[in-house]
Protein backbone atom coordinates (compact mmCIF):
# COMPACT_ATOMS: atom_id res chain seq x y z
CA MET A 1 73.18 87.99 187.99
CA ILE A 2 72.25 91.52 186.26
CA LEU A 3 68.13 91.29 185.42
CA ASP A 4 67.59 93.17 182.03
CA THR A 5 64.43 95.41 182.22
CA SER A 6 62.38 92.89 180.81
CA VAL A 7 62.70 90.95 183.58
CA LEU A 8 61.32 93.54 185.83
CA LEU A 9 58.65 93.79 183.65
CA ASP A 10 57.59 90.07 183.46
CA LEU A 11 57.32 90.15 186.91
CA MET A 12 55.26 92.62 187.34
CA ARG A 13 53.02 90.59 184.99
CA ASP A 14 53.16 88.07 186.63
CA ASP A 15 54.55 85.86 184.20
CA SER A 16 55.46 82.51 185.48
CA ALA A 17 58.59 81.53 184.23
CA ALA A 18 60.06 84.85 185.30
CA VAL A 19 58.86 84.38 189.02
CA GLU A 20 60.64 81.17 188.63
CA ARG A 21 63.50 82.27 187.77
CA ILE A 22 63.95 84.54 190.64
CA ARG A 23 62.54 81.76 192.84
CA GLU A 24 65.42 79.74 192.21
CA LEU A 25 67.98 82.75 192.28
CA GLU A 26 66.35 83.51 195.67
CA SER A 27 66.68 79.70 196.97
CA ALA A 28 70.63 79.19 195.46
CA GLY A 29 71.20 82.74 196.81
CA VAL A 30 72.25 84.49 193.61
CA PRO A 31 72.68 88.67 194.48
CA GLN A 32 70.16 89.89 192.25
CA ARG A 33 71.22 93.56 190.63
CA LEU A 34 70.23 96.25 188.22
CA SER A 35 72.01 98.68 186.23
CA ALA A 36 70.94 102.41 186.51
CA MET A 37 70.00 102.24 182.91
CA THR A 38 66.92 99.59 184.22
CA LEU A 39 65.68 102.59 186.88
CA TYR A 40 65.49 104.74 184.00
CA GLU A 41 64.07 102.80 181.48
CA LEU A 42 60.99 101.71 183.84
CA HIS A 43 60.74 105.43 184.20
CA TRP A 44 60.42 106.54 180.88
CA GLY A 45 57.59 103.87 180.83
CA LEU A 46 55.77 105.46 184.06
CA GLY A 47 55.78 108.90 181.50
CA TYR A 48 53.12 107.17 179.45
CA SER A 49 51.55 104.85 181.90
CA ASP A 50 47.56 105.30 182.33
CA ARG A 51 48.71 103.36 185.96
CA SER A 52 51.40 104.91 186.78
CA ALA A 53 50.67 105.76 190.61
CA GLU A 54 50.09 101.98 190.61
CA GLU A 55 53.12 101.15 188.79
CA ARG A 56 55.50 103.31 190.43
CA ALA A 57 55.19 101.91 194.11
CA GLU A 58 55.66 98.77 192.35
CA ILE A 59 58.19 99.56 190.65
CA GLU A 60 60.27 101.11 193.91
CA ALA A 61 59.77 97.89 195.54
CA ILE A 62 61.13 95.66 192.99
CA VAL A 63 64.27 98.62 192.91
CA ASP A 64 64.40 99.20 195.97
CA SER A 65 65.27 95.30 197.13
CA ARG A 66 67.84 95.23 195.00
CA THR A 67 71.94 96.33 194.12
CA LEU A 68 71.45 99.14 191.95
CA TYR A 69 75.20 99.85 189.93
CA ASP A 70 75.54 103.01 188.20
CA VAL A 71 76.53 103.81 184.76
CA THR A 72 80.31 104.60 185.56
CA PRO A 73 82.71 105.67 182.65
CA GLU A 74 84.14 102.86 182.57
CA ILE A 75 80.88 101.58 181.43
CA LEU A 76 79.77 104.08 179.31
CA ARG A 77 83.62 103.32 177.67
CA LYS A 78 82.57 99.57 177.35
CA THR A 79 79.00 100.57 175.96
CA GLY A 80 80.44 103.16 173.55
CA ARG A 81 82.90 100.23 172.33
CA ILE A 82 80.17 97.08 172.14
CA GLY A 83 78.22 99.98 169.95
CA GLY A 84 80.71 101.03 167.71
CA GLY A 85 81.69 97.62 167.06
CA LEU A 86 78.07 95.81 166.23
CA ARG A 87 77.23 98.78 164.43
CA ARG A 88 80.12 98.60 161.88
CA ASP A 89 80.13 94.63 161.51
CA GLY A 90 76.69 95.67 160.28
CA ARG A 91 74.58 94.50 163.79
CA PRO A 92 73.79 96.96 165.89
CA LEU A 93 71.18 96.92 169.00
CA ASP A 94 68.07 98.44 168.14
CA ASP A 95 68.10 100.22 172.29
CA PRO A 96 71.55 101.34 173.43
CA GLY A 97 70.41 100.83 176.86
CA ASP A 98 71.20 97.00 175.95
CA GLU A 99 74.26 97.73 175.25
CA ILE A 100 74.52 99.79 179.01
CA ILE A 101 72.92 96.88 180.34
CA GLY A 102 75.35 94.25 178.47
CA ALA A 103 78.60 96.69 179.05
CA THR A 104 76.92 96.33 183.11
CA GLY A 105 77.20 93.21 183.01
CA ILE A 106 80.57 92.57 181.62
CA VAL A 107 82.17 95.12 183.75
CA HIS A 108 81.29 93.67 186.58
CA ASP A 109 81.72 90.20 185.30
CA GLU A 110 78.31 89.37 185.68
CA SER A 111 75.72 87.17 183.76
CA VAL A 112 72.74 89.32 182.63
CA LEU A 113 68.82 87.91 183.26
CA THR A 114 66.44 88.37 180.28
CA GLY A 115 63.58 87.41 178.62
CA ASN A 116 64.83 88.98 175.49
CA PRO A 117 67.98 87.01 175.08
CA ASP A 118 68.46 88.24 171.32
CA ASP A 119 68.41 91.44 172.58
CA PHE A 120 72.00 90.74 174.34
CA ARG A 121 73.44 87.66 172.44
CA ARG A 122 75.09 89.74 170.08
CA ILE A 123 77.03 91.82 172.79
CA ASP A 124 80.75 89.71 172.50
CA GLY A 125 82.14 88.56 176.09
CA LEU A 126 78.71 88.44 177.68
CA SER A 127 76.94 85.71 179.85
CA VAL A 128 73.47 85.60 178.90
CA VAL A 129 70.61 84.19 181.19
CA THR A 130 67.16 83.76 180.01
CA TYR A 131 63.72 81.64 181.19
């Protein structure tokens, strides 16, 4: 299961639904993975945060406990086809990062867990899970 950035932010905010979903995954032995794009998005947020030292430690603890998928040429090719196709069809995503995370899920044949399912449901072939 690939965790979208929204999941990690919800965990940091102690969102009860996100915490419960992660506990369920852990109990079921489901591996939790991240896209390198999520690492970028989290650190981008640190750039304007007033609590960056506190948040950095929390982010690193969350990230270090999970497998990180690199953004590979195969993922970028898939991302380009996703983004171009959605734009052609007049339904582009607002965030290219979501295209990368979605493509990571497709390439690795894994579902994406997100608190923002509408960000991913337009991506054909991607299994989207929420809480």
